[in-house]
Amino acid sequence: MRRFWHNLLAILLGNLCYFSLQRWLPVGARHTPFAIDWGLAVDFWFCLVFWGLLRFFRYFR
């Protein structure tokens, strides 16, 4: 159950950061609703970065 909350928090923080910064991203990195595009890959990268940061800080806690 702990892993679920860790993953959920990483996804929520990553999406929050991505959609907050989306208007300043290049056009190719913006997500178009209901389409598979590079914006999804950039969004996934944001979530992955937060997942790694959460894991890093949990390791040194």
N, C-alpha and C. Protein backbone atom coordinates (compact mmCIF):
# COMPACT_ATOMS: atom_id res chain seq x y z
N MET A 1 0.83 -1.20 0.00
CA MET A 1 0.00 0.00 0.00
C MET A 1 0.87 1.26 0.00
N ARG A 2 2.03 1.17 0.64
CA ARG A 2 2.93 2.32 0.68
C ARG A 2 3.42 2.69 -0.73
N ARG A 3 3.69 1.69 -1.56
CA ARG A 3 4.14 1.94 -2.92
C ARG A 3 3.05 2.62 -3.74
N PHE A 4 1.79 2.26 -3.49
CA PHE A 4 0.67 2.90 -4.19
C PHE A 4 0.64 4.39 -3.92
N TRP A 5 0.76 4.79 -2.65
CA TRP A 5 0.72 6.21 -2.29
C TRP A 5 1.94 6.95 -2.84
N HIS A 6 3.07 6.28 -2.83
CA HIS A 6 4.29 6.87 -3.39
C HIS A 6 4.10 7.15 -4.88
N ASN A 7 3.60 6.18 -5.63
CA ASN A 7 3.38 6.34 -7.06
C ASN A 7 2.30 7.38 -7.36
N LEU A 8 1.23 7.36 -6.58
CA LEU A 8 0.16 8.33 -6.78
C LEU A 8 0.65 9.76 -6.54
N LEU A 9 1.43 9.96 -5.50
CA LEU A 9 1.97 11.28 -5.22
C LEU A 9 2.91 11.74 -6.33
N ALA A 10 3.73 10.84 -6.85
CA ALA A 10 4.62 11.20 -7.95
C ALA A 10 3.83 11.60 -9.20
N ILE A 11 2.75 10.89 -9.50
CA ILE A 11 1.93 11.21 -10.67
C ILE A 11 1.23 12.55 -10.48
N LEU A 12 0.68 12.77 -9.30
CA LEU A 12 -0.03 14.03 -9.05
C LEU A 12 0.92 15.22 -9.08
N LEU A 13 2.09 15.10 -8.47
CA LEU A 13 3.06 16.19 -8.48
C LEU A 13 3.60 16.44 -9.89
N GLY A 14 3.87 15.36 -10.63
CA GLY A 14 4.36 15.50 -11.99
C GLY A 14 3.34 16.17 -12.90
N ASN A 15 2.09 15.77 -12.80
CA ASN A 15 1.04 16.38 -13.61
C ASN A 15 0.79 17.82 -13.21
N LEU A 16 0.83 18.11 -11.92
CA LEU A 16 0.66 19.47 -11.45
C LEU A 16 1.76 20.37 -12.02
N CYS A 17 2.97 19.91 -11.96
CA CYS A 17 4.10 20.69 -12.47
C CYS A 17 4.00 20.84 -14.00
N TYR A 18 3.70 19.75 -14.70
CA TYR A 18 3.61 19.81 -16.17
C TYR A 18 2.51 20.75 -16.62
N PHE A 19 1.31 20.61 -16.08
CA PHE A 19 0.21 21.44 -16.54
C PHE A 19 0.33 22.89 -16.06
N SER A 20 1.13 23.12 -15.01
CA SER A 20 1.39 24.50 -14.59
C SER A 20 2.37 25.18 -15.55
N LEU A 21 3.31 24.41 -16.07
CA LEU A 21 4.33 24.97 -16.96
C LEU A 21 4.00 24.80 -18.44
N GLN A 22 2.89 24.20 -18.77
CA GLN A 22 2.58 23.83 -20.15
C GLN A 22 2.54 25.03 -21.10
N ARG A 23 2.06 26.17 -20.65
CA ARG A 23 1.94 27.31 -21.56
C ARG A 23 3.29 27.87 -21.96
N TRP A 24 4.35 27.59 -21.17
CA TRP A 24 5.68 28.08 -21.49
C TRP A 24 6.54 27.04 -22.20
N LEU A 25 6.02 25.83 -22.37
CA LEU A 25 6.76 24.79 -23.07
C LEU A 25 6.67 25.02 -24.58
N PRO A 26 7.63 24.50 -25.34
CA PRO A 26 7.53 24.59 -26.80
C PRO A 26 6.27 23.89 -27.30
N VAL A 27 5.81 24.28 -28.46
CA VAL A 27 4.55 23.75 -29.00
C VAL A 27 4.60 22.23 -29.12
N GLY A 28 5.72 21.66 -29.49
CA GLY A 28 5.83 20.21 -29.62
C GLY A 28 5.72 19.47 -28.31
N ALA A 29 5.99 20.13 -27.21
CA ALA A 29 5.95 19.48 -25.89
C ALA A 29 4.61 19.66 -25.19
N ARG A 30 3.69 20.36 -25.82
CA ARG A 30 2.36 20.55 -25.22
C ARG A 30 1.45 19.39 -25.60
N HIS A 31 0.62 19.01 -24.66
CA HIS A 31 -0.30 17.89 -24.90
C HIS A 31 -1.60 18.38 -25.50
N THR A 32 -2.04 17.66 -26.53
CA THR A 32 -3.34 17.90 -27.13
C THR A 32 -4.32 16.86 -26.56
N PRO A 33 -5.45 17.30 -26.02
CA PRO A 33 -6.39 16.33 -25.44
C PRO A 33 -6.83 15.26 -26.44
N PHE A 34 -6.97 14.05 -25.96
CA PHE A 34 -7.44 12.89 -26.73
C PHE A 34 -6.53 12.56 -27.90
N ALA A 35 -5.23 12.78 -27.74
CA ALA A 35 -4.26 12.46 -28.78
C ALA A 35 -3.01 11.89 -28.13
N ILE A 36 -2.33 11.03 -28.87
CA ILE A 36 -1.04 10.52 -28.42
C ILE A 36 0.01 11.38 -29.10
N ASP A 37 0.75 12.14 -28.29
CA ASP A 37 1.72 13.07 -28.85
C ASP A 37 2.93 13.16 -27.93
N TRP A 38 3.87 14.04 -28.28
CA TRP A 38 5.07 14.20 -27.48
C TRP A 38 4.78 14.82 -26.12
N GLY A 39 3.66 15.50 -25.99
CA GLY A 39 3.28 16.06 -24.70
C GLY A 39 3.09 14.99 -23.64
N LEU A 40 2.60 13.84 -24.04
CA LEU A 40 2.45 12.73 -23.09
C LEU A 40 3.81 12.24 -22.62
N ALA A 41 4.78 12.20 -23.52
CA ALA A 41 6.12 11.77 -23.14
C ALA A 41 6.76 12.77 -22.18
N VAL A 42 6.55 14.05 -22.42
CA VAL A 42 7.09 15.08 -21.53
C VAL A 42 6.41 15.00 -20.17
N ASP A 43 5.11 14.79 -20.17
CA ASP A 43 4.36 14.63 -18.92
C ASP A 43 4.87 13.41 -18.14
N PHE A 44 5.09 12.32 -18.84
CA PHE A 44 5.63 11.11 -18.21
C PHE A 44 7.00 11.39 -17.60
N TRP A 45 7.82 12.18 -18.29
CA TRP A 45 9.15 12.52 -17.79
C TRP A 45 9.05 13.31 -16.49
N PHE A 46 8.12 14.26 -16.42
CA PHE A 46 7.92 15.02 -15.19
C PHE A 46 7.54 14.08 -14.04
N CYS A 47 6.63 13.15 -14.30
CA CYS A 47 6.21 12.21 -13.27
C CYS A 47 7.38 11.32 -12.85
N LEU A 48 8.19 10.91 -13.80
CA LEU A 48 9.33 10.07 -13.49
C LEU A 48 10.36 10.81 -12.64
N VAL A 49 10.56 12.08 -12.92
CA VAL A 49 11.49 12.88 -12.12
C VAL A 49 10.99 12.98 -10.67
N PHE A 50 9.71 13.24 -10.49
CA PHE A 50 9.18 13.32 -9.13
C PHE A 50 9.22 11.97 -8.43
N TRP A 51 9.00 10.90 -9.17
CA TRP A 51 9.10 9.56 -8.58
C TRP A 51 10.52 9.32 -8.07
N GLY A 52 11.51 9.69 -8.88
CA GLY A 52 12.89 9.53 -8.46
C GLY A 52 13.25 10.41 -7.28
N LEU A 53 12.77 11.65 -7.27
CA LEU A 53 13.04 12.54 -6.14
C LEU A 53 12.42 12.02 -4.86
N LEU A 54 11.19 11.53 -4.93
CA LEU A 54 10.55 10.99 -3.74
C LEU A 54 11.29 9.76 -3.23
N ARG A 55 11.72 8.92 -4.14
CA ARG A 55 12.46 7.73 -3.75
C ARG A 55 13.82 8.10 -3.15
N PHE A 56 14.48 9.10 -3.73
CA PHE A 56 15.77 9.56 -3.23
C PHE A 56 15.65 10.09 -1.81
N PHE A 57 14.64 10.94 -1.56
CA PHE A 57 14.48 11.51 -0.23
C PHE A 57 13.98 10.48 0.78
N ARG A 58 13.24 9.50 0.32
CA ARG A 58 12.80 8.44 1.24
C ARG A 58 13.97 7.55 1.65
N TYR A 59 14.91 7.37 0.73
CA TYR A 59 16.08 6.54 1.01
C TYR A 59 16.97 7.16 2.07
N PHE A 60 17.11 8.48 2.05
CA PHE A 60 17.98 9.16 3.00
C PHE A 60 17.25 9.66 4.24
N ARG A 61 16.04 9.25 4.42
CA ARG A 61 15.25 9.66 5.59
C ARG A 61 15.56 8.83 6.78
